[in-house]
């Protein structure tokens, strides 16, 4: 039986939680993310004082050959045909996980 294709759009905390729980040997897992970097936000405030590293390469987090990272930006998702279209990739998915995060709203508060 062929492995089902899972596509994850974006890479953040939800993606990491999902990858920790799924058996990556049973699926073809592909992550489409604009950047190959992950910002470890719990160290953000501490970084101001101590200059700690808060950005990590996604490849170091995934640490598996069974997960493919596609550095690209998703343009369109066709849910009727199970297609995800990025600038350089068009792919069929069996399962799609949208983990693209959110925009931060500072409510125009300076600083």
Protein backbone atom coordinates (compact mmCIF):
# COMPACT_ATOMS: atom_id res chain seq x y z
CA UNK A 1 0.00 0.00 0.00
CA UNK A 2 1.34 3.44 -0.97
CA UNK A 3 2.09 5.96 1.73
CA UNK A 4 -0.37 8.84 2.05
CA UNK A 5 0.93 12.38 1.52
CA UNK A 6 0.72 14.85 4.37
CA UNK A 7 1.47 18.49 3.62
CA UNK A 8 2.05 20.97 6.43
CA UNK A 9 1.77 24.64 5.48
CA UNK A 10 4.00 26.67 7.78
CA UNK A 11 6.28 25.53 10.55
CA UNK A 12 5.67 26.51 14.14
CA UNK A 13 4.62 25.06 17.46
CA UNK A 14 1.62 23.20 16.01
CA UNK A 15 3.83 21.54 13.40
CA UNK A 16 6.34 20.44 16.00
CA UNK A 17 3.57 19.01 18.19
CA UNK A 18 2.12 17.13 15.23
CA UNK A 19 5.50 15.69 14.17
CA UNK A 20 6.18 14.50 17.71
CA UNK A 21 2.96 12.42 17.70
CA UNK A 22 2.80 11.03 14.14
CA UNK A 23 4.63 7.92 12.96
CA UNK A 24 6.74 9.57 10.25
CA UNK A 25 7.56 6.20 8.70
CA UNK A 26 3.92 5.63 7.68
CA UNK A 27 3.47 8.84 5.66
CA UNK A 28 5.23 11.05 3.13
CA UNK A 29 5.47 14.25 5.14
CA UNK A 30 6.23 17.55 3.42
CA UNK A 31 6.51 20.95 5.07
CA UNK A 32 6.04 24.07 2.97
CA UNK A 33 7.45 27.07 4.80
CA UNK A 34 8.62 30.49 3.62
CA UNK A 35 11.71 30.13 5.72
CA UNK A 36 13.90 27.26 6.80
CA UNK A 37 14.07 28.84 10.24
CA UNK A 38 12.05 28.39 13.44
CA UNK A 39 11.89 31.20 16.02
CA UNK A 40 11.94 29.83 19.55
CA UNK A 41 9.77 32.55 21.09
CA UNK A 42 10.05 31.56 24.79
CA UNK A 43 13.62 32.90 24.68
CA UNK A 44 12.63 36.15 23.00
CA UNK A 45 12.52 38.30 26.16
CA UNK A 46 15.57 36.59 27.64
CA UNK A 47 17.45 37.22 24.39
CA UNK A 48 17.34 40.98 24.94
CA UNK A 49 19.64 40.61 27.94
CA UNK A 50 21.68 37.48 27.23
CA UNK A 51 21.88 37.46 23.41
CA UNK A 52 20.82 33.80 23.22
CA UNK A 53 20.14 32.10 19.93
CA UNK A 54 16.39 32.05 19.27
CA UNK A 55 16.33 31.07 15.59
CA UNK A 56 16.98 27.46 14.66
CA UNK A 57 17.31 25.70 11.32
CA UNK A 58 14.21 23.57 10.70
CA UNK A 59 16.39 20.69 9.46
CA UNK A 60 17.96 20.45 12.92
CA UNK A 61 14.52 20.30 14.54
CA UNK A 62 13.09 17.72 12.13
CA UNK A 63 16.22 15.56 12.33
CA UNK A 64 14.77 12.98 9.94
CA UNK A 65 15.11 11.99 6.31
CA UNK A 66 11.41 11.09 6.28
CA UNK A 67 10.28 14.73 6.39
CA UNK A 68 10.81 16.95 3.36
CA UNK A 69 11.15 20.73 3.74
CA UNK A 70 10.07 22.87 0.78
CA UNK A 71 11.13 26.48 1.24
CA UNK A 72 8.38 28.23 -0.66
CA UNK A 73 5.23 30.29 -0.18
CA UNK A 74 1.81 28.74 -0.74
CA UNK A 75 -0.22 30.57 -3.35
CA UNK A 76 -3.44 28.54 -3.59
CA UNK A 77 -5.08 25.51 -2.00
CA UNK A 78 -7.64 23.64 -4.08
CA UNK A 79 -9.66 21.62 -1.57
CA UNK A 80 -11.85 20.01 -4.25
CA UNK A 81 -8.87 18.46 -6.04
CA UNK A 82 -6.61 18.14 -2.97
CA UNK A 83 -3.91 20.35 -4.48
CA UNK A 84 -1.56 22.76 -2.80
CA UNK A 85 0.07 25.26 -5.15
CA UNK A 86 3.19 27.14 -4.17
CA UNK A 87 5.39 29.34 -6.31
CA UNK A 88 7.60 26.43 -7.40
CA UNK A 89 5.55 23.35 -6.44
CA UNK A 90 2.14 21.90 -7.19
CA UNK A 91 1.40 18.80 -5.12
CA UNK A 92 -1.43 16.40 -4.30
CA UNK A 93 -2.17 15.88 -0.64
CA UNK A 94 -4.15 13.27 1.24
CA UNK A 95 -4.03 15.27 4.45
CA UNK A 96 -3.36 18.98 4.80
CA UNK A 97 -2.34 20.74 8.01
CA UNK A 98 -2.46 24.51 8.10
CA UNK A 99 0.06 25.65 10.67
CA UNK A 100 1.00 29.02 9.24
CA UNK A 101 0.67 31.00 12.45
CA UNK A 102 -0.90 34.38 12.79
CA UNK A 103 -0.11 38.06 12.46
CA UNK A 104 0.87 39.81 15.64
CA UNK A 105 -1.27 42.81 16.47
CA UNK A 106 0.36 45.41 18.70
CA UNK A 107 -2.76 47.61 18.63
CA UNK A 108 -0.53 50.54 17.59
CA UNK A 109 1.17 50.56 20.99
CA UNK A 110 4.72 51.74 20.49
CA UNK A 111 7.66 49.93 22.02
